């Protein structure tokens, strides 16, 4: 059975595609009633910390570290959330996300018809 990290990083895609897929996964898990309410506080609390005026490392005193701690808290909150969710629920939602149709156009493969049944019309 594949673990959660393999499911999230299974496709060889770019950074932004992975980010969008991770955000979609978190959104689906947040909406799932099987996930514990207290567990759903993790990503919400990390977002609140991101927009809150109180900061562990203020950006004025330490400009680079001030931005990095916000990113680290957001990453930690969302990563812990996905890791602590039941694996079968994460796999279910990841399977649903992977079945989404690509945005690129692909022609359908041409298949030869098989099992052709000839029928004659009847008048009734």
Protein backbone atom coordinates (compact mmCIF):
# COMPACT_ATOMS: atom_id res chain seq x y z
CA UNK A 1 0.00 0.00 0.00
CA UNK A 2 1.41 3.43 -0.95
CA UNK A 3 1.94 5.95 1.77
CA UNK A 4 0.56 9.49 1.76
CA UNK A 5 3.78 11.16 0.64
CA UNK A 6 4.01 8.86 -2.41
CA UNK A 7 0.39 9.62 -3.31
CA UNK A 8 0.92 13.35 -3.13
CA UNK A 9 4.19 13.26 -5.10
CA UNK A 10 3.29 10.40 -7.45
CA UNK A 11 3.16 12.46 -10.61
CA UNK A 12 6.23 14.15 -11.99
CA UNK A 13 4.73 17.64 -12.10
CA UNK A 14 5.91 21.14 -11.42
CA UNK A 15 5.98 23.00 -8.13
CA UNK A 16 2.83 25.00 -8.77
CA UNK A 17 0.84 21.98 -9.96
CA UNK A 18 1.85 20.13 -6.78
CA UNK A 19 0.89 23.16 -4.71
CA UNK A 20 -2.53 23.42 -6.36
CA UNK A 21 -3.12 19.69 -5.91
CA UNK A 22 -2.12 19.91 -2.24
CA UNK A 23 -4.50 22.85 -1.70
CA UNK A 24 -7.31 20.90 -3.37
CA UNK A 25 -6.55 17.87 -1.19
CA UNK A 26 -6.63 19.98 1.97
CA UNK A 27 -9.92 21.53 0.84
CA UNK A 28 -11.47 18.12 0.26
CA UNK A 29 -10.20 16.83 3.62
CA UNK A 30 -11.54 19.93 5.38
CA UNK A 31 -14.97 19.26 3.88
CA UNK A 32 -14.94 15.55 4.77
CA UNK A 33 -17.11 14.80 7.81
CA UNK A 34 -15.02 11.75 8.68
CA UNK A 35 -12.07 13.96 9.64
CA UNK A 36 -11.97 15.00 13.31
CA UNK A 37 -12.99 18.61 13.94
CA UNK A 38 -9.96 19.26 16.16
CA UNK A 39 -7.66 18.06 13.42
CA UNK A 40 -9.18 20.60 11.05
CA UNK A 41 -7.98 23.36 13.36
CA UNK A 42 -4.35 22.84 12.20
CA UNK A 43 -4.60 24.38 8.71
CA UNK A 44 -7.04 27.03 9.90
CA UNK A 45 -4.72 28.05 12.75
CA UNK A 46 -1.74 28.24 10.38
CA UNK A 47 -3.72 30.53 8.06
CA UNK A 48 -4.79 32.68 11.00
CA UNK A 49 -1.14 32.97 12.05
CA UNK A 50 -0.25 34.03 8.51
CA UNK A 51 -2.66 37.00 8.56
CA UNK A 52 -2.43 37.81 12.29
CA UNK A 53 -0.62 41.00 13.27
CA UNK A 54 1.31 39.10 15.99
CA UNK A 55 4.46 37.44 14.68
CA UNK A 56 7.11 35.21 16.26
CA UNK A 57 9.89 36.79 14.21
CA UNK A 58 8.83 40.30 13.13
CA UNK A 59 9.62 41.22 9.54
CA UNK A 60 10.99 44.66 10.45
CA UNK A 61 13.68 43.35 12.78
CA UNK A 62 14.54 40.23 10.77
CA UNK A 63 13.18 40.70 7.22
CA UNK A 64 14.20 37.33 5.73
CA UNK A 65 13.47 35.26 8.83
CA UNK A 66 10.16 37.11 9.31
CA UNK A 67 8.89 35.80 5.97
CA UNK A 68 10.38 32.35 6.44
CA UNK A 69 8.68 31.72 9.77
CA UNK A 70 5.29 32.50 8.22
CA UNK A 71 5.97 30.05 5.39
CA UNK A 72 7.30 27.44 7.84
CA UNK A 73 4.21 27.65 10.07
CA UNK A 74 1.91 27.36 7.06
CA UNK A 75 3.87 24.38 5.69
CA UNK A 76 4.02 22.69 9.09
CA UNK A 77 0.30 23.13 9.76
CA UNK A 78 -0.79 21.74 6.40
CA UNK A 79 1.75 18.90 6.40
CA UNK A 80 0.77 17.80 9.88
CA UNK A 81 -2.90 17.97 8.91
CA UNK A 82 -2.47 15.65 5.90
CA UNK A 83 -0.15 13.33 7.85
CA UNK A 84 -2.54 12.96 10.78
CA UNK A 85 -5.62 12.34 8.62
CA UNK A 86 -6.57 8.66 8.21
CA UNK A 87 -4.58 7.23 5.32
CA UNK A 88 -7.54 5.57 3.58
CA UNK A 89 -9.43 8.88 3.45
CA UNK A 90 -6.38 10.70 2.04
CA UNK A 91 -5.98 7.95 -0.58
CA UNK A 92 -9.66 8.21 -1.50
CA UNK A 93 -9.44 11.96 -2.09
CA UNK A 94 -6.10 11.72 -3.91
CA UNK A 95 -7.61 9.09 -6.20
CA UNK A 96 -10.45 11.48 -6.95
CA UNK A 97 -8.04 14.31 -7.69
CA UNK A 98 -5.94 12.17 -10.02
CA UNK A 99 -9.02 11.22 -12.06
CA UNK A 100 -9.60 14.86 -13.04
CA UNK A 101 -9.32 15.31 -16.79
CA UNK A 102 -6.15 16.95 -18.07
CA UNK A 103 -6.38 20.42 -19.54
CA UNK A 104 -4.52 19.28 -22.64
CA UNK A 105 -6.27 17.84 -25.65
CA UNK A 106 -5.67 14.20 -26.57
CA UNK A 107 -7.31 12.42 -29.47
CA UNK A 108 -9.09 9.27 -28.52
CA UNK A 109 -7.25 6.15 -29.65
CA UNK A 110 -8.68 4.66 -32.79
CA UNK A 111 -10.03 1.24 -32.11
CA UNK A 112 -11.31 -1.27 -34.56
CA UNK A 113 -14.92 -2.23 -33.86
CA UNK A 114 -15.39 -5.69 -32.42
CA UNK A 115 -18.44 -7.85 -32.01
CA UNK A 116 -20.53 -6.11 -34.67
CA UNK A 117 -24.05 -7.40 -34.78
CA UNK A 118 -26.00 -6.91 -37.96
CA UNK A 119 -29.68 -6.21 -37.48
CA UNK A 120 -32.45 -5.85 -40.03
CA UNK A 121 -35.24 -3.37 -39.35
CA UNK A 122 -38.74 -4.74 -38.80
CA UNK A 123 -42.07 -3.15 -39.49
CA UNK A 124 -44.50 -3.32 -36.65
